[in-house]
Protein backbone atom coordinates (compact mmCIF):
# COMPACT_ATOMS: atom_id res chain seq x y z
CA MET A 1 -14.98 8.88 -1.65
CA ASN A 2 -13.96 10.01 -5.03
CA LEU A 3 -10.14 10.38 -6.51
CA ASN A 4 -8.83 12.86 -8.83
CA LYS A 5 -7.10 10.91 -11.60
CA SER A 6 -5.10 12.92 -13.12
CA ILE A 7 -3.28 13.74 -9.54
CA VAL A 8 -3.13 9.70 -8.92
CA LYS A 9 -1.76 9.35 -11.89
CA LYS A 10 1.06 12.02 -10.82
CA LEU A 11 1.70 10.50 -7.56
CA MET A 12 2.12 6.94 -9.09
CA TYR A 13 4.20 8.90 -11.53
CA LEU A 14 6.28 10.27 -8.54
CA SER A 15 6.48 6.88 -6.65
CA GLY A 16 7.91 5.58 -9.24
CA MET A 17 10.96 8.56 -9.60
CA MET A 18 11.49 8.52 -6.49
CA ASN A 19 12.62 4.98 -6.10
CA ILE A 20 14.58 5.21 -9.30
CA GLY A 21 16.06 8.74 -8.58
CA GLY A 22 16.49 8.70 -4.70
CA VAL A 23 18.69 5.25 -5.08
CA LEU A 24 20.52 6.05 -8.06
CA VAL A 25 21.35 9.50 -6.93
CA LEU A 26 22.10 9.04 -3.53
CA SER A 27 23.69 5.70 -3.71
CA ARG A 28 26.08 7.16 -6.69
CA PHE A 29 24.86 3.89 -8.57
CA PHE A 30 25.76 1.69 -6.56
CA SER A 31 28.72 2.69 -5.58
CA ASN A 32 28.00 4.05 -2.06
CA LYS A 33 28.84 1.10 -0.09
CA VAL A 34 27.91 2.94 3.43
CA ILE A 35 24.20 2.28 1.87
CA ASN A 36 25.10 -1.45 2.17
CA GLU A 37 26.90 -1.66 5.10
CA ALA A 38 24.34 0.44 7.39
CA ASP A 39 21.66 -2.86 6.50
CA PRO A 40 23.51 -5.16 4.35
CA VAL A 41 20.30 -7.50 4.06
CA VAL A 42 17.93 -4.68 3.15
CA MET A 43 20.30 -2.67 1.41
CA SER A 44 22.84 -4.83 -0.34
CA ASN A 45 22.98 -3.21 -4.19
CA PHE A 46 20.68 -6.47 -4.95
CA GLY A 47 18.38 -5.16 -2.61
CA LEU A 48 18.61 -1.30 -4.03
CA LEU A 49 18.56 -2.67 -7.83
CA MET A 50 15.17 -4.34 -6.66
CA ILE A 51 13.81 -1.10 -5.70
CA VAL A 52 14.76 0.45 -8.77
CA VAL A 53 12.25 -2.59 -10.74
CA TRP A 54 9.60 -1.58 -8.11
CA GLY A 55 10.38 2.10 -8.94
CA LEU A 56 9.44 0.57 -13.04
CA SER A 57 7.04 -1.11 -11.97
CA PHE A 58 4.98 2.21 -10.35
CA LEU A 59 5.86 3.52 -13.72
CA ALA A 60 4.03 0.99 -16.10
CA MET A 61 1.42 0.76 -14.24
CA ALA A 62 0.45 4.52 -13.56
CA PRO A 63 -1.34 5.08 -17.66
CA LYS A 64 -3.79 2.20 -16.60
CA TRP A 65 -4.07 2.48 -12.70
CA ASP A 66 -7.80 2.46 -12.34
CA HIS A 67 -8.11 -1.23 -14.31
CA LEU A 68 -4.58 -2.64 -12.20
CA LYS A 69 -6.77 -3.12 -8.18
CA TRP A 70 -4.78 -6.06 -6.91
CA VAL A 71 -0.94 -4.43 -8.96
CA ILE A 72 -1.90 -1.66 -6.71
CA GLY A 73 -2.56 -4.32 -3.74
CA ALA A 74 0.80 -5.43 -4.06
CA PHE A 75 2.63 -1.97 -4.27
CA VAL A 76 0.56 -1.43 -0.57
CA ILE A 77 2.19 -4.81 0.54
CA GLU A 78 5.69 -3.52 -0.80
CA LYS A 79 5.32 -0.27 1.05
CA PHE A 80 4.26 -1.01 4.41
CA ILE A 81 6.85 -4.02 4.34
CA TYR A 82 9.52 -1.37 3.68
CA GLY A 83 8.53 1.22 5.94
CA PHE A 84 7.86 -1.08 9.07
CA VAL A 85 11.89 -2.26 7.99
CA TRP A 86 13.23 1.21 7.82
CA THR A 87 11.22 1.76 10.64
CA LYS A 88 12.60 -1.14 13.03
CA TRP A 89 16.27 0.47 11.18
CA LEU A 90 15.90 3.13 12.92
CA MET A 91 15.24 2.06 16.10
CA ASN A 92 18.19 0.14 16.32
CA ASN A 93 20.60 1.82 14.63
CA ASN A 94 21.73 5.48 15.27
CA LEU A 95 20.94 7.37 11.99
CA SER A 96 23.82 10.21 12.93
CA ASP A 97 26.70 7.67 12.40
CA VAL A 98 25.45 7.11 9.28
CA TYR A 99 25.79 10.68 8.61
CA GLU A 100 29.14 10.98 9.86
CA GLN A 101 30.52 8.16 7.55
CA ASP A 102 28.58 9.71 4.36
CA MET A 103 25.96 12.38 3.83
CA MET A 104 24.19 10.95 1.20
CA ALA A 105 23.70 7.43 2.51
CA GLY A 106 22.57 9.76 5.90
CA ILE A 107 20.09 11.67 3.28
CA PHE A 108 19.26 7.91 2.31
CA TYR A 109 17.90 6.51 5.62
CA THR A 110 16.44 9.43 6.96
CA ILE A 111 13.99 9.26 3.95
CA TYR A 112 13.70 5.97 2.47
CA GLY A 113 11.47 5.10 4.63
CA ALA A 114 9.03 8.08 4.96
CA ASN A 115 8.52 8.43 1.51
CA ASP A 116 7.25 4.61 1.50
CA TRP A 117 5.06 4.91 4.33
CA PHE A 118 3.77 8.22 2.02
CA PHE A 119 3.14 5.67 -0.41
CA PHE A 120 1.73 2.59 1.68
CA ILE A 121 -1.11 4.83 2.35
CA PHE A 122 -1.46 7.09 -1.16
CA TYR A 123 -1.37 3.01 -2.38
CA LEU A 124 -4.01 1.58 0.17
CA ILE A 125 -6.08 5.06 -0.26
CA VAL A 126 -6.31 4.25 -3.85
CA PHE A 127 -6.82 0.38 -3.41
CA ILE A 128 -9.92 0.72 -1.22
CA TYR A 129 -11.21 3.55 -3.74
CA LEU A 130 -10.84 0.68 -6.41
CA SER A 131 -12.69 -1.90 -4.18
CA LYS A 132 -15.64 0.46 -3.47
CA THR A 133 -15.85 1.59 -7.33
CA GLN A 134 -14.83 -1.13 -9.83
CA ASN A 135 -18.17 -4.18 -10.56
CA LYS A 136 -17.38 -7.48 -8.01
CA VAL A 137 -16.27 -10.46 -10.34
CA ILE A 138 -17.58 -13.32 -9.35
CA TRP A 139 -15.12 -16.41 -10.64
């Protein structure tokens, strides 16, 4: 398996920008209460802020991604968790109810998990690639 390093880096930047921009725009800089009310545990303003922090982490590591296998492994776990939580949320909630209350909140709940599942697969592929290509370290 061979990965185009330039494309990998661009996708890592995109994942960071999606987290940061998606949250800031769709939450109207943390003032969109419909997002908070639809999932008060995961999508509280604190939760939204942590998504922005994850986005900053994606941006920070992008230039050196090929040396940060275990950081990327953490990203795999993070993206899986958010994707799983979104899927569970969709199974237990009515997305059209969110759209009726606020279009931007509806868009947020439509795309956030799909974005996380996409980047879960992406980061998993990168992690597997790095696991196969990096020298094994024996402690």
